[in-house]
């Protein structure tokens, strides 16, 4: 199990990914930040296991919701056919997973907002928003 780290501070404005970018983010609706013996872990019910360990201070910061987004760590694996070194984020009570090319919290927030807008648009049409990674 890998240990997750605090999100690096934004290093100036990030560029928005181009349409051809492999950048991808999605909510892990069945993943949870759960306490373990000496730290927390991101448990993903679909996989039936912890994706990574999270230092207690970082997990508690995420759960308090003081910051808009907190980087929990990374996990190497496959989601819907795409293998990557996924970055795990926490925002507003929801765990998110992004491709390894997502650089910082600012970019993550932009991608989350775009994801939420697409989900709302699909819902308004009576459809489910469930994008697959590129």
Protein backbone atom coordinates (compact mmCIF):
# COMPACT_ATOMS: atom_id res chain seq x y z
CA UNK A 1 0.00 0.00 0.00
CA UNK A 2 1.40 3.39 -0.93
CA UNK A 3 1.36 6.33 1.45
CA UNK A 4 -0.46 9.38 0.17
CA UNK A 5 0.94 12.90 0.34
CA UNK A 6 -0.37 16.43 0.84
CA UNK A 7 -1.22 18.18 -2.43
CA UNK A 8 1.54 20.40 -3.73
CA UNK A 9 0.69 24.09 -3.70
CA UNK A 10 -0.30 25.60 -7.01
CA UNK A 11 2.76 26.78 -8.89
CA UNK A 12 1.07 29.54 -10.83
CA UNK A 13 -1.74 29.13 -13.32
CA UNK A 14 -2.04 25.74 -14.98
CA UNK A 15 -2.95 25.38 -18.58
CA UNK A 16 -6.30 23.87 -19.40
CA UNK A 17 -5.84 20.51 -21.16
CA UNK A 18 -6.45 20.49 -24.89
CA UNK A 19 -9.21 18.37 -26.38
CA UNK A 20 -6.58 15.86 -27.49
CA UNK A 21 -5.15 15.56 -23.96
CA UNK A 22 -5.39 12.20 -22.23
CA UNK A 23 -6.44 14.05 -19.05
CA UNK A 24 -9.32 12.35 -17.26
CA UNK A 25 -11.03 12.72 -13.88
CA UNK A 26 -14.00 10.96 -12.35
CA UNK A 27 -15.68 10.61 -8.99
CA UNK A 28 -15.21 7.29 -7.21
CA UNK A 29 -18.71 7.07 -5.82
CA UNK A 30 -17.96 3.82 -4.04
CA UNK A 31 -14.63 4.82 -2.47
CA UNK A 32 -14.32 5.95 1.12
CA UNK A 33 -11.75 7.57 3.39
CA UNK A 34 -11.66 5.17 6.34
CA UNK A 35 -9.64 5.04 9.57
CA UNK A 36 -7.08 2.26 9.98
CA UNK A 37 -4.82 1.36 12.90
CA UNK A 38 -2.22 4.13 12.50
CA UNK A 39 -3.58 6.21 9.60
CA UNK A 40 -6.46 6.39 7.14
CA UNK A 41 -6.89 4.64 3.80
CA UNK A 42 -8.85 5.15 0.61
CA UNK A 43 -10.97 2.00 0.38
CA UNK A 44 -12.51 1.27 -3.03
CA UNK A 45 -15.46 -1.08 -2.76
CA UNK A 46 -15.31 -2.01 -6.48
CA UNK A 47 -11.76 -3.34 -6.02
CA UNK A 48 -12.52 -4.67 -2.55
CA UNK A 49 -9.32 -3.22 -1.11
CA UNK A 50 -7.48 -0.12 0.04
CA UNK A 51 -5.96 1.88 -2.81
CA UNK A 52 -3.48 3.71 -0.59
CA UNK A 53 -2.78 4.78 2.95
CA UNK A 54 -3.26 8.41 3.96
CA UNK A 55 -1.44 10.16 6.79
CA UNK A 56 -3.91 11.09 9.55
CA UNK A 57 -3.27 14.85 9.33
CA UNK A 58 -4.00 14.86 5.58
CA UNK A 59 -7.12 12.71 5.93
CA UNK A 60 -8.46 14.88 8.74
CA UNK A 61 -7.78 18.02 6.68
CA UNK A 62 -9.76 16.50 3.79
CA UNK A 63 -12.64 15.47 6.06
CA UNK A 64 -12.83 18.94 7.65
CA UNK A 65 -13.28 20.43 4.19
CA UNK A 66 -11.17 23.51 4.91
CA UNK A 67 -9.56 23.32 1.47
CA UNK A 68 -11.46 22.94 -1.80
CA UNK A 69 -9.32 19.98 -2.85
CA UNK A 70 -6.80 17.78 -1.03
CA UNK A 71 -4.43 15.36 -2.72
CA UNK A 72 -4.61 12.06 -0.89
CA UNK A 73 -1.98 10.22 -2.91
CA UNK A 74 -1.57 7.95 -5.88
CA UNK A 75 -2.39 4.45 -6.97
CA UNK A 76 -1.18 2.43 -9.93
CA UNK A 77 -3.93 0.40 -11.53
CA UNK A 78 -6.64 0.09 -14.15
CA UNK A 79 -9.98 1.87 -14.28
CA UNK A 80 -12.36 0.92 -17.08
CA UNK A 81 -9.56 -0.34 -19.29
CA UNK A 82 -7.10 2.52 -18.72
CA UNK A 83 -3.93 1.77 -16.78
CA UNK A 84 -2.29 4.79 -15.16
CA UNK A 85 -0.58 6.12 -12.06
CA UNK A 86 -3.87 7.62 -10.82
CA UNK A 87 -3.90 10.54 -8.39
CA UNK A 88 -6.51 10.39 -5.64
CA UNK A 89 -8.13 13.68 -4.57
CA UNK A 90 -10.80 14.66 -2.04
CA UNK A 91 -13.17 17.55 -2.72
CA UNK A 92 -16.39 18.47 -0.92
CA UNK A 93 -16.85 15.04 0.60
CA UNK A 94 -16.24 13.15 -2.65
CA UNK A 95 -13.19 11.06 -3.58
CA UNK A 96 -11.90 11.72 -7.13
CA UNK A 97 -9.35 9.92 -9.27
CA UNK A 98 -7.41 11.68 -12.03
CA UNK A 99 -4.86 10.60 -14.60
CA UNK A 100 -1.22 11.18 -13.75
CA UNK A 101 -0.99 14.26 -15.99
CA UNK A 102 -3.23 16.31 -13.66
CA UNK A 103 -0.63 18.53 -12.06
CA UNK A 104 -2.10 20.42 -9.12
CA UNK A 105 -5.12 21.40 -7.06
CA UNK A 106 -6.11 24.29 -9.33
CA UNK A 107 -6.25 22.05 -12.40
CA UNK A 108 -8.10 19.41 -10.40
CA UNK A 109 -10.76 21.92 -9.33
CA UNK A 110 -11.29 23.02 -12.95
CA UNK A 111 -11.67 19.41 -14.07
CA UNK A 112 -14.09 18.63 -11.21
CA UNK A 113 -16.24 21.64 -12.08
CA UNK A 114 -16.29 20.63 -15.76
CA UNK A 115 -17.22 17.05 -14.74
CA UNK A 116 -20.04 18.33 -12.52
CA UNK A 117 -21.36 20.59 -15.30
CA UNK A 118 -21.39 17.68 -17.77
CA UNK A 119 -23.13 15.48 -15.20
CA UNK A 120 -25.81 18.15 -14.59
CA UNK A 121 -26.29 18.59 -18.34
CA UNK A 122 -26.72 14.83 -18.85
CA UNK A 123 -29.10 14.58 -15.89
CA UNK A 124 -31.22 17.41 -17.32
CA UNK A 125 -31.58 15.29 -20.49
CA UNK A 126 -32.55 12.24 -18.42
CA UNK A 127 -29.20 10.55 -19.05
CA UNK A 128 -26.49 9.24 -16.75
CA UNK A 129 -23.02 10.81 -16.91
CA UNK A 130 -20.43 8.03 -16.72
CA UNK A 131 -17.45 8.96 -18.91
CA UNK A 132 -14.83 6.37 -19.83
CA UNK A 133 -11.13 7.27 -19.76
CA UNK A 134 -9.53 8.09 -23.12
